[in-house]
Amino acid sequence: VHNNTEKWIEKVTKDKNRVRSYDKK
């Protein structure tokens, strides 16, 4: 079936990368 999750994947990937392991500040 046709589905388009491109924007959704971009959003959740951004959330995934948002949490940094080391806060230099």
PDB file of all heavy atoms in Angstrom:
ATOM      1  N   VAL A   1       0.855  -1.190   0.000  1.00  0.00           N
ATOM      2  CA  VAL A   1       0.000   0.000   0.000  1.00  0.00           C
ATOM      3  C   VAL A   1       0.891   1.240   0.000  1.00  0.00           C
ATOM      4  O   VAL A   1       2.042   1.203   0.440  1.00  0.00           O
ATOM      5  CB  VAL A   1      -0.955   0.024   1.221  1.00  0.00           C
ATOM      6  CG1 VAL A   1      -1.878  -1.186   1.205  1.00  0.00           C
ATOM      7  CG2 VAL A   1      -0.177   0.095   2.533  1.00  0.00           C
ATOM      8  N   HIS A   2       0.352   2.330  -0.507  1.00  0.00           N
ATOM      9  CA  HIS A   2       1.129   3.578  -0.558  1.00  0.00           C
ATOM     10  C   HIS A   2       1.029   4.303   0.785  1.00  0.00           C
ATOM     11  O   HIS A   2      -0.057   4.460   1.338  1.00  0.00           O
ATOM     12  CB  HIS A   2       0.605   4.488  -1.673  1.00  0.00           C
ATOM     13  CG  HIS A   2       1.286   5.826  -1.709  1.00  0.00           C
ATOM     14  ND1 HIS A   2       2.593   5.988  -2.121  1.00  0.00           N
ATOM     15  CD2 HIS A   2       0.839   7.065  -1.338  1.00  0.00           C
ATOM     16  CE1 HIS A   2       2.925   7.259  -2.023  1.00  0.00           C
ATOM     17  NE2 HIS A   2       1.890   7.943  -1.554  1.00  0.00           N
ATOM     18  N   ASN A   3       2.158   4.704   1.298  1.00  0.00           N
ATOM     19  CA  ASN A   3       2.179   5.556   2.489  1.00  0.00           C
ATOM     20  C   ASN A   3       3.397   6.460   2.427  1.00  0.00           C
ATOM     21  O   ASN A   3       4.388   6.136   1.748  1.00  0.00           O
ATOM     22  CB  ASN A   3       2.181   4.733   3.786  1.00  0.00           C
ATOM     23  CG  ASN A   3       3.511   4.047   4.041  1.00  0.00           C
ATOM     24  OD1 ASN A   3       4.117   3.475   3.141  1.00  0.00           O
ATOM     25  ND2 ASN A   3       3.963   4.079   5.286  1.00  0.00           N
ATOM     26  N   ASN A   4       3.319   7.583   3.079  1.00  0.00           N
ATOM     27  CA  ASN A   4       4.424   8.548   3.046  1.00  0.00           C
ATOM     28  C   ASN A   4       4.736   8.994   4.468  1.00  0.00           C
ATOM     29  O   ASN A   4       3.945   9.689   5.105  1.00  0.00           O
ATOM     30  CB  ASN A   4       4.053   9.758   2.183  1.00  0.00           C
ATOM     31  CG  ASN A   4       5.240  10.712   2.006  1.00  0.00           C
ATOM     32  OD1 ASN A   4       6.272  10.562   2.652  1.00  0.00           O
ATOM     33  ND2 ASN A   4       5.064  11.689   1.142  1.00  0.00           N
ATOM     34  N   THR A   5       5.872   8.544   4.966  1.00  0.00           N
ATOM     35  CA  THR A   5       6.262   8.873   6.349  1.00  0.00           C
ATOM     36  C   THR A   5       7.543   9.704   6.391  1.00  0.00           C
ATOM     37  O   THR A   5       8.176   9.804   7.446  1.00  0.00           O
ATOM     38  CB  THR A   5       6.452   7.584   7.171  1.00  0.00           C
ATOM     39  OG1 THR A   5       7.527   6.824   6.580  1.00  0.00           O
ATOM     40  CG2 THR A   5       5.195   6.739   7.213  1.00  0.00           C
ATOM     41  N   GLU A   6       7.906  10.294   5.262  1.00  0.00           N
ATOM     42  CA  GLU A   6       9.190  10.999   5.177  1.00  0.00           C
ATOM     43  C   GLU A   6       9.325  12.088   6.229  1.00  0.00           C
ATOM     44  O   GLU A   6      10.336  12.166   6.943  1.00  0.00           O
ATOM     45  CB  GLU A   6       9.362  11.605   3.779  1.00  0.00           C
ATOM     46  CG  GLU A   6      10.744  12.197   3.550  1.00  0.00           C
ATOM     47  CD  GLU A   6      10.943  12.687   2.130  1.00  0.00           C
ATOM     48  OE1 GLU A   6      10.151  12.296   1.249  1.00  0.00           O
ATOM     49  OE2 GLU A   6      11.892  13.470   1.912  1.00  0.00           O
ATOM     50  N   LYS A   7       8.314  12.955   6.361  1.00  0.00           N
ATOM     51  CA  LYS A   7       8.372  14.046   7.355  1.00  0.00           C
ATOM     52  C   LYS A   7       8.372  13.481   8.780  1.00  0.00           C
ATOM     53  O   LYS A   7       9.033  14.024   9.668  1.00  0.00           O
ATOM     54  CB  LYS A   7       7.207  14.996   7.153  1.00  0.00           C
ATOM     55  CG  LYS A   7       7.299  15.835   5.879  1.00  0.00           C
ATOM     56  CD  LYS A   7       6.153  16.818   5.782  1.00  0.00           C
ATOM     57  CE  LYS A   7       6.269  17.675   4.527  1.00  0.00           C
ATOM     58  NZ  LYS A   7       5.130  18.629   4.403  1.00  0.00           N
ATOM     59  N   TRP A   8       7.620  12.422   8.993  1.00  0.00           N
ATOM     60  CA  TRP A   8       7.549  11.779  10.310  1.00  0.00           C
ATOM     61  C   TRP A   8       8.907  11.195  10.700  1.00  0.00           C
ATOM     62  O   TRP A   8       9.360  11.366  11.841  1.00  0.00           O
ATOM     63  CB  TRP A   8       6.457  10.715  10.283  1.00  0.00           C
ATOM     64  CG  TRP A   8       6.281   9.852  11.498  1.00  0.00           C
ATOM     65  CD1 TRP A   8       6.286   8.491  11.531  1.00  0.00           C
ATOM     66  CD2 TRP A   8       6.024  10.260  12.852  1.00  0.00           C
ATOM     67  NE1 TRP A   8       6.049   8.027  12.798  1.00  0.00           N
ATOM     68  CE2 TRP A   8       5.890   9.097  13.641  1.00  0.00           C
ATOM     69  CE3 TRP A   8       5.903  11.513  13.468  1.00  0.00           C
ATOM     70  CZ2 TRP A   8       5.637   9.133  14.999  1.00  0.00           C
ATOM     71  CZ3 TRP A   8       5.659  11.545  14.845  1.00  0.00           C
ATOM     72  CH2 TRP A   8       5.529  10.379  15.591  1.00  0.00           C
ATOM     73  N   ILE A   9       9.563  10.548   9.758  1.00  0.00           N
ATOM     74  CA  ILE A   9      10.882   9.982  10.024  1.00  0.00           C
ATOM     75  C   ILE A   9      11.885  11.082  10.341  1.00  0.00           C
ATOM     76  O   ILE A   9      12.719  10.953  11.254  1.00  0.00           O
ATOM     77  CB  ILE A   9      11.365   9.126   8.838  1.00  0.00           C
ATOM     78  CG1 ILE A   9      10.487   7.882   8.679  1.00  0.00           C
ATOM     79  CG2 ILE A   9      12.826   8.720   9.020  1.00  0.00           C
ATOM     80  CD1 ILE A   9      10.512   6.928   9.842  1.00  0.00           C
ATOM     81  N   GLU A  10      11.813  12.171   9.618  1.00  0.00           N
ATOM     82  CA  GLU A  10      12.699  13.311   9.899  1.00  0.00           C
ATOM     83  C   GLU A  10      12.492  13.822  11.320  1.00  0.00           C
ATOM     84  O   GLU A  10      13.449  14.120  12.037  1.00  0.00           O
ATOM     85  CB  GLU A  10      12.426  14.449   8.904  1.00  0.00           C
ATOM     86  CG  GLU A  10      12.946  14.193   7.509  1.00  0.00           C
ATOM     87  CD  GLU A  10      12.631  15.349   6.566  1.00  0.00           C
ATOM     88  OE1 GLU A  10      12.131  16.395   7.051  1.00  0.00           O
ATOM     89  OE2 GLU A  10      12.860  15.214   5.357  1.00  0.00           O
ATOM     90  N   LYS A  11      11.223  13.903  11.712  1.00  0.00           N
ATOM     91  CA  LYS A  11      10.890  14.431  13.037  1.00  0.00           C
ATOM     92  C   LYS A  11      11.403  13.504  14.145  1.00  0.00           C
ATOM     93  O   LYS A  11      12.041  13.949  15.111  1.00  0.00           O
ATOM     94  CB  LYS A  11       9.374  14.604  13.127  1.00  0.00           C
ATOM     95  CG  LYS A  11       8.924  15.534  14.254  1.00  0.00           C
ATOM     96  CD  LYS A  11       8.693  14.794  15.545  1.00  0.00           C
ATOM     97  CE  LYS A  11       8.259  15.770  16.652  1.00  0.00           C
ATOM     98  NZ  LYS A  11       8.214  15.121  17.952  1.00  0.00           N
ATOM     99  N   VAL A  12      11.098  12.186  14.042  1.00  0.00           N
ATOM    100  CA  VAL A  12      11.495  11.265  15.116  1.00  0.00           C
ATOM    101  C   VAL A  12      13.013  11.091  15.154  1.00  0.00           C
ATOM    102  O   VAL A  12      13.590  10.868  16.225  1.00  0.00           O
ATOM    103  CB  VAL A  12      10.787   9.891  14.988  1.00  0.00           C
ATOM    104  CG1 VAL A  12       9.281  10.035  15.143  1.00  0.00           C
ATOM    105  CG2 VAL A  12      11.143   9.185  13.692  1.00  0.00           C
ATOM    106  N   THR A  13      13.666  11.207  13.998  1.00  0.00           N
ATOM    107  CA  THR A  13      15.130  11.124  13.971  1.00  0.00           C
ATOM    108  C   THR A  13      15.745  12.330  14.671  1.00  0.00           C
ATOM    109  O   THR A  13      16.746  12.206  15.398  1.00  0.00           O
ATOM    110  CB  THR A  13      15.640  11.034  12.524  1.00  0.00           C
ATOM    111  OG1 THR A  13      15.045   9.889  11.888  1.00  0.00           O
ATOM    112  CG2 THR A  13      17.159  10.896  12.487  1.00  0.00           C
ATOM    113  N   LYS A  14      15.130  13.484  14.488  1.00  0.00           N
ATOM    114  CA  LYS A  14      15.593  14.691  15.178  1.00  0.00           C
ATOM    115  C   LYS A  14      15.440  14.527  16.689  1.00  0.00           C
ATOM    116  O   LYS A  14      16.336  14.895  17.469  1.00  0.00           O
ATOM    117  CB  LYS A  14      14.786  15.893  14.691  1.00  0.00           C
ATOM    118  CG  LYS A  14      15.263  17.220  15.253  1.00  0.00           C
ATOM    119  CD  LYS A  14      14.447  18.374  14.680  1.00  0.00           C
ATOM    120  CE  LYS A  14      14.898  19.716  15.271  1.00  0.00           C
ATOM    121  NZ  LYS A  14      14.094  20.847  14.724  1.00  0.00           N
ATOM    122  N   ASP A  15      14.303  13.949  17.105  1.00  0.00           N
ATOM    123  CA  ASP A  15      14.092  13.681  18.542  1.00  0.00           C
ATOM    124  C   ASP A  15      15.131  12.694  19.067  1.00  0.00           C
ATOM    125  O   ASP A  15      15.633  12.828  20.193  1.00  0.00           O
ATOM    126  CB  ASP A  15      12.692  13.106  18.775  1.00  0.00           C
ATOM    127  CG  ASP A  15      11.595  14.143  18.606  1.00  0.00           C
ATOM    128  OD1 ASP A  15      11.900  15.350  18.704  1.00  0.00           O
ATOM    129  OD2 ASP A  15      10.442  13.745  18.372  1.00  0.00           O
ATOM    130  N   LYS A  16      15.442  11.704  18.242  1.00  0.00           N
ATOM    131  CA  LYS A  16      16.403  10.676  18.632  1.00  0.00           C
ATOM    132  C   LYS A  16      17.796  11.286  18.841  1.00  0.00           C
ATOM    133  O   LYS A  16      18.531  10.887  19.760  1.00  0.00           O
ATOM    134  CB  LYS A  16      16.446   9.600  17.554  1.00  0.00           C
ATOM    135  CG  LYS A  16      17.333   8.410  17.852  1.00  0.00           C
ATOM    136  CD  LYS A  16      17.226   7.403  16.717  1.00  0.00           C
ATOM    137  CE  LYS A  16      18.164   6.236  16.905  1.00  0.00           C
ATOM    138  NZ  LYS A  16      18.064   5.264  15.800  1.00  0.00           N
ATOM    139  N   ASN A  17      18.153  12.243  18.012  1.00  0.00           N
ATOM    140  CA  ASN A  17      19.477  12.868  18.096  1.00  0.00           C
ATOM    141  C   ASN A  17      19.522  14.034  19.071  1.00  0.00           C
ATOM    142  O   ASN A  17      20.596  14.597  19.314  1.00  0.00           O
ATOM    143  CB  ASN A  17      19.909  13.358  16.709  1.00  0.00           C
ATOM    144  CG  ASN A  17      20.094  12.210  15.742  1.00  0.00           C
ATOM    145  OD1 ASN A  17      20.453  11.109  16.145  1.00  0.00           O
ATOM    146  ND2 ASN A  17      19.857  12.462  14.462  1.00  0.00           N
ATOM    147  N   ARG A  18      18.341  14.388  19.600  1.00  0.00           N
ATOM    148  CA  ARG A  18      18.262  15.562  20.461  1.00  0.00           C
ATOM    149  C   ARG A  18      18.954  15.353  21.807  1.00  0.00           C
ATOM    150  O   ARG A  18      19.542  16.270  22.365  1.00  0.00           O
ATOM    151  CB  ARG A  18      16.786  15.916  20.688  1.00  0.00           C
ATOM    152  CG  ARG A  18      16.554  17.062  21.642  1.00  0.00           C
ATOM    153  CD  ARG A  18      15.063  17.345  21.737  1.00  0.00           C
ATOM    154  NE  ARG A  18      14.755  18.155  22.899  1.00  0.00           N
ATOM    155  CZ  ARG A  18      13.529  18.520  23.237  1.00  0.00           C
ATOM    156  NH1 ARG A  18      12.506  18.150  22.499  1.00  0.00           N
ATOM    157  NH2 ARG A  18      13.310  19.242  24.314  1.00  0.00           N
ATOM    158  N   VAL A  19      18.873  14.156  22.318  1.00  0.00           N
ATOM    159  CA  VAL A  19      19.435  13.869  23.643  1.00  0.00           C
ATOM    160  C   VAL A  19      20.915  13.577  23.501  1.00  0.00           C
ATOM    161  O   VAL A  19      21.312  12.552  22.962  1.00  0.00           O
ATOM    162  CB  VAL A  19      18.713  12.676  24.304  1.00  0.00           C
ATOM    163  CG1 VAL A  19      19.300  12.406  25.684  1.00  0.00           C
ATOM    164  CG2 VAL A  19      17.225  12.956  24.411  1.00  0.00           C
ATOM    165  N   ARG A  20      21.735  14.492  23.956  1.00  0.00           N
ATOM    166  CA  ARG A  20      23.177  14.319  23.882  1.00  0.00           C
ATOM    167  C   ARG A  20      23.678  13.598  25.133  1.00  0.00           C
ATOM    168  O   ARG A  20      23.171  13.795  26.223  1.00  0.00           O
ATOM    169  CB  ARG A  20      23.878  15.675  23.754  1.00  0.00           C
ATOM    170  CG  ARG A  20      23.575  16.399  22.441  1.00  0.00           C
ATOM    171  CD  ARG A  20      24.559  17.545  22.262  1.00  0.00           C
ATOM    172  NE  ARG A  20      24.363  18.190  20.969  1.00  0.00           N
ATOM    173  CZ  ARG A  20      23.617  19.273  20.800  1.00  0.00           C
ATOM    174  NH1 ARG A  20      22.993  19.817  21.828  1.00  0.00           N
ATOM    175  NH2 ARG A  20      23.498  19.807  19.604  1.00  0.00           N
ATOM    176  N   SER A  21      24.688  12.789  24.932  1.00  0.00           N
ATOM    177  CA  SER A  21      25.244  12.043  26.054  1.00  0.00           C
ATOM    178  C   SER A  21      26.107  12.922  26.958  1.00  0.00           C
ATOM    179  O   SER A  21      26.241  12.672  28.142  1.00  0.00           O
ATOM    180  CB  SER A  21      26.085  10.877  25.523  1.00  0.00           C
ATOM    181  OG  SER A  21      25.275   9.996  24.793  1.00  0.00           O
ATOM    182  N   TYR A  22      26.716  13.953  26.360  1.00  0.00           N
ATOM    183  CA  TYR A  22      27.637  14.775  27.143  1.00  0.00           C
ATOM    184  C   TYR A  22      27.345  16.250  26.887  1.00  0.00           C
ATOM    185  O   TYR A  22      27.404  16.727  25.750  1.00  0.00           O
ATOM    186  CB  TYR A  22      29.080  14.445  26.770  1.00  0.00           C
ATOM    187  CG  TYR A  22      30.111  15.293  27.480  1.00  0.00           C
ATOM    188  CD1 TYR A  22      30.193  15.267  28.872  1.00  0.00           C
ATOM    189  CD2 TYR A  22      30.992  16.109  26.779  1.00  0.00           C
ATOM    190  CE1 TYR A  22      31.132  16.039  29.546  1.00  0.00           C
ATOM    191  CE2 TYR A  22      31.935  16.883  27.440  1.00  0.00           C
ATOM    192  CZ  TYR A  22      32.000  16.839  28.826  1.00  0.00           C
ATOM    193  OH  TYR A  22      32.928  17.598  29.494  1.00  0.00           O
ATOM    194  N   ASP A  23      26.977  16.950  27.914  1.00  0.00           N
ATOM    195  CA  ASP A  23      26.671  18.367  27.807  1.00  0.00           C
ATOM    196  C   ASP A  23      27.934  19.154  28.161  1.00  0.00           C
ATOM    197  O   ASP A  23      28.313  19.267  29.333  1.00  0.00           O
ATOM    198  CB  ASP A  23      25.524  18.729  28.764  1.00  0.00           C
ATOM    199  CG  ASP A  23      25.008  20.143  28.541  1.00  0.00           C
ATOM    200  OD1 ASP A  23      25.834  21.017  28.202  1.00  0.00           O
ATOM    201  OD2 ASP A  23      23.795  20.364  28.704  1.00  0.00           O
ATOM    202  N   LYS A  24      28.615  19.674  27.119  1.00  0.00           N
ATOM    203  CA  LYS A  24      29.892  20.369  27.344  1.00  0.00           C
ATOM    204  C   LYS A  24      29.717  21.627  28.190  1.00  0.00           C
ATOM    205  O   LYS A  24      30.583  21.970  28.994  1.00  0.00           O
ATOM    206  CB  LYS A  24      30.516  20.720  25.997  1.00  0.00           C
ATOM    207  CG  LYS A  24      30.991  19.513  25.219  1.00  0.00           C
ATOM    208  CD  LYS A  24      31.668  19.933  23.916  1.00  0.00           C
ATOM    209  CE  LYS A  24      32.163  18.703  23.160  1.00  0.00           C
ATOM    210  NZ  LYS A  24      32.809  19.076  21.876  1.00  0.00           N
ATOM    211  N   LYS A  25      28.574  22.278  27.996  1.00  0.00           N
ATOM    212  CA  LYS A  25      28.343  23.517  28.743  1.00  0.00           C
ATOM    213  C   LYS A  25      28.227  23.238  30.239  1.00  0.00           C
ATOM    214  O   LYS A  25      28.804  23.936  31.076  1.00  0.00           O
ATOM    215  CB  LYS A  25      27.085  24.199  28.223  1.00  0.00           C
ATOM    216  CG  LYS A  25      26.815  25.558  28.864  1.00  0.00           C
ATOM    217  CD  LYS A  25      25.569  26.204  28.268  1.00  0.00           C
ATOM    218  CE  LYS A  25      25.289  27.544  28.928  1.00  0.00           C
ATOM    219  NZ  LYS A  25      24.064  28.188  28.368  1.00  0.00           N
TER     220      LYS A  25
END
